[in-house]
Amino acid sequence: GLENAAEEGWTGPEVLSGLIWHELGHVAHYHWRRHQGPSIGSGPWWQLYAEGFAQRCEHVVAGEDCWHMARTMKGWLSWCRANEPWLAAEFLRTVEHGESVRPFFGSWFELRGWKQTGYYLGHAMIRRMETGKELHEIALLDDVESRMRSALEAIAAADG
């Protein structure tokens, strides 16, 4: 989080508080999984799930949907919303071809000129899972890959 803050020039209490809440979302997620649920995973599906979960925690604590990239890249959030089906399809394609998902995460990579779109996409997946589930239940999901894959397939199909 601090590396992103430095790279993107995120300063001030609002942004830094959000980053702290995001990182604490990761801590809560890992704590719950280690003590109450399935193991902690790895790979692209886990990264999408874990970053989406932490992003959602940040928004819950903040009491609003706050997006760091929207502060530094004008139009970022509206682009992500408008291109959500494409983002879902591109993530699916990337994983299917064994390519790195780094372009979806981090400040040094871009998709069509937009950074950190994986945080938006992961958050969108977590929000969809919240229908009928508490955040704590989502933290303890098993079979993350199939759940995330089916949700992305549904979003990607909405573009067609």
Protein backbone atom coordinates (compact mmCIF):
# COMPACT_ATOMS: atom_id res chain seq x y z
CA GLY A 1 0.00 0.00 0.00
CA LEU A 2 2.75 2.46 0.88
CA GLU A 3 4.58 1.77 -2.36
CA ASN A 4 1.39 2.56 -4.31
CA ALA A 5 0.93 5.76 -2.28
CA ALA A 6 4.46 6.87 -3.14
CA GLU A 7 4.18 5.96 -6.84
CA GLU A 8 0.80 7.64 -7.32
CA GLY A 9 1.48 10.65 -5.08
CA TRP A 10 -1.37 9.79 -2.75
CA THR A 11 -1.05 11.99 0.30
CA GLY A 12 -3.29 13.37 2.97
CA PRO A 13 -5.35 11.79 5.70
CA GLU A 14 -8.28 10.69 3.51
CA VAL A 15 -6.22 8.67 1.08
CA LEU A 16 -3.81 7.29 3.65
CA SER A 17 -6.69 6.31 5.95
CA GLY A 18 -8.25 4.45 3.05
CA LEU A 19 -5.02 2.58 2.39
CA ILE A 20 -4.77 1.64 6.06
CA TRP A 21 -8.36 0.35 6.02
CA HIS A 22 -7.61 -1.62 2.85
CA GLU A 23 -4.58 -3.27 4.45
CA LEU A 24 -6.57 -3.97 7.63
CA GLY A 25 -9.17 -5.64 5.39
CA HIS A 26 -6.40 -8.03 4.29
CA VAL A 27 -5.44 -8.63 7.93
CA ALA A 28 -9.04 -9.43 8.90
CA HIS A 29 -9.47 -11.70 5.88
CA TYR A 30 -6.32 -13.68 6.64
CA HIS A 31 -7.13 -13.85 10.35
CA TRP A 32 -10.61 -15.27 9.74
CA ARG A 33 -9.35 -17.82 7.25
CA ARG A 34 -6.51 -19.00 9.47
CA HIS A 35 -8.71 -19.39 12.52
CA GLN A 36 -12.14 -20.35 11.19
CA GLY A 37 -12.07 -21.46 7.63
CA PRO A 38 -10.28 -22.82 4.63
CA SER A 39 -6.64 -22.11 3.90
CA ILE A 40 -5.25 -19.01 2.29
CA GLY A 41 -4.87 -19.40 -1.43
CA SER A 42 -2.63 -18.07 -4.16
CA GLY A 43 -2.74 -17.36 -7.87
CA PRO A 44 -4.85 -15.04 -10.00
CA TRP A 45 -8.24 -16.06 -8.65
CA TRP A 46 -7.07 -15.61 -5.08
CA GLN A 47 -5.56 -12.21 -5.90
CA LEU A 48 -8.82 -10.99 -7.43
CA TYR A 49 -10.78 -12.28 -4.43
CA ALA A 50 -8.38 -10.98 -1.76
CA GLU A 51 -7.95 -7.53 -3.29
CA GLY A 52 -11.68 -7.22 -3.90
CA PHE A 53 -12.35 -8.23 -0.31
CA ALA A 54 -9.87 -5.69 1.07
CA GLN A 55 -11.29 -2.98 -1.20
CA ARG A 56 -14.79 -3.74 0.02
CA CYS A 57 -13.62 -3.59 3.66
CA GLU A 58 -12.11 -0.19 2.97
CA HIS A 59 -15.42 1.07 1.59
CA VAL A 60 -17.40 -0.35 4.51
CA VAL A 61 -15.14 1.36 7.06
CA ALA A 62 -15.10 4.62 5.08
CA GLY A 63 -18.88 4.56 4.77
CA GLU A 64 -18.61 5.27 1.04
CA ASP A 65 -17.11 3.89 -2.15
CA CYS A 66 -13.76 5.67 -2.16
CA TRP A 67 -11.39 4.87 -5.00
CA HIS A 68 -7.75 5.95 -4.90
CA MET A 69 -7.25 5.81 -8.65
CA ALA A 70 -10.31 8.01 -9.21
CA ARG A 71 -8.44 10.75 -7.34
CA THR A 72 -5.44 10.68 -9.66
CA MET A 73 -6.86 9.42 -12.98
CA LYS A 74 -9.82 11.51 -14.09
CA GLY A 75 -12.56 9.28 -15.49
CA TRP A 76 -11.13 6.07 -13.96
CA LEU A 77 -14.29 4.97 -12.13
CA SER A 78 -16.66 5.76 -14.99
CA TRP A 79 -14.33 3.90 -17.39
CA CYS A 80 -14.24 0.85 -15.10
CA ARG A 81 -18.02 0.83 -14.78
CA ALA A 82 -18.58 1.22 -18.51
CA ASN A 83 -16.03 -1.48 -19.32
CA GLU A 84 -16.86 -3.98 -16.58
CA PRO A 85 -17.91 -6.72 -19.03
CA TRP A 86 -14.70 -6.23 -21.02
CA LEU A 87 -12.60 -6.27 -17.81
CA ALA A 88 -14.26 -9.54 -16.77
CA ALA A 89 -13.69 -11.09 -20.20
CA GLU A 90 -10.09 -9.88 -20.29
CA PHE A 91 -9.36 -11.32 -16.84
CA LEU A 92 -10.84 -14.65 -17.92
CA ARG A 93 -8.81 -14.59 -21.15
CA THR A 94 -5.62 -13.66 -19.31
CA VAL A 95 -5.97 -16.52 -16.83
CA GLU A 96 -7.00 -19.00 -19.52
CA HIS A 97 -3.84 -18.19 -21.50
CA GLY A 98 -1.61 -18.44 -18.44
CA GLU A 99 -0.61 -14.80 -18.67
CA SER A 100 0.23 -12.61 -15.70
CA VAL A 101 -2.63 -10.66 -14.12
CA ARG A 102 -0.19 -7.90 -13.11
CA PRO A 103 -1.75 -5.47 -15.63
CA PHE A 104 -4.87 -5.54 -13.44
CA PHE A 105 -2.97 -4.61 -10.27
CA GLY A 106 -0.26 -2.18 -9.28
CA SER A 107 0.80 1.24 -10.43
CA TRP A 108 3.32 0.11 -13.03
CA PHE A 109 0.92 -1.69 -15.35
CA GLU A 110 -2.08 -0.60 -17.40
CA LEU A 111 -4.98 -1.99 -19.37
CA ARG A 112 -6.02 0.29 -22.21
CA GLY A 113 -4.29 3.12 -20.36
CA TRP A 114 -6.01 2.53 -16.99
CA LYS A 115 -4.23 1.38 -13.84
CA GLN A 116 -5.39 -0.88 -11.01
CA THR A 117 -8.58 -2.05 -12.67
CA GLY A 118 -8.33 -5.39 -10.82
CA TYR A 119 -9.26 -3.67 -7.56
CA TYR A 120 -12.44 -2.42 -9.17
CA LEU A 121 -13.19 -5.83 -10.70
CA GLY A 122 -12.50 -7.72 -7.46
CA HIS A 123 -14.69 -5.29 -5.54
CA ALA A 124 -17.48 -5.82 -8.06
CA MET A 125 -17.25 -9.59 -7.46
CA ILE A 126 -17.42 -9.17 -3.68
CA ARG A 127 -20.41 -6.80 -3.97
CA ARG A 128 -22.26 -9.43 -6.03
CA MET A 129 -21.51 -12.07 -3.40
CA GLU A 130 -22.91 -9.84 -0.65
CA THR A 131 -26.43 -10.60 -1.80
CA GLY A 132 -27.54 -13.01 0.91
CA LYS A 133 -24.13 -13.23 2.60
CA GLU A 134 -22.34 -11.27 5.31
CA LEU A 135 -18.81 -10.03 4.66
CA HIS A 136 -17.51 -12.48 7.25
CA GLU A 137 -19.08 -15.36 5.30
CA ILE A 138 -17.50 -14.12 2.09
CA ALA A 139 -14.12 -14.09 3.84
CA LEU A 140 -14.49 -17.81 4.49
CA LEU A 141 -15.55 -18.95 1.01
CA ASP A 142 -14.17 -22.19 -0.26
CA ASP A 143 -13.62 -22.98 -3.95
CA VAL A 144 -12.70 -19.37 -4.68
CA GLU A 145 -11.70 -20.10 -8.27
CA SER A 146 -15.03 -21.53 -9.40
CA ARG A 147 -17.03 -18.84 -7.59
CA MET A 148 -14.97 -16.00 -9.03
CA ARG A 149 -14.87 -17.60 -12.49
CA SER A 150 -18.65 -18.07 -12.69
CA ALA A 151 -19.28 -14.50 -11.52
CA LEU A 152 -16.85 -13.13 -14.12
CA GLU A 153 -18.40 -15.26 -16.85
CA ALA A 154 -21.81 -13.82 -16.02
CA ILE A 155 -20.49 -10.26 -16.19
CA ALA A 156 -18.60 -10.89 -19.41
CA ALA A 157 -21.73 -12.41 -20.98
CA ALA A 158 -23.62 -9.18 -20.23
CA ASP A 159 -21.52 -7.50 -22.94
CA GLY A 160 -22.74 -9.81 -25.65
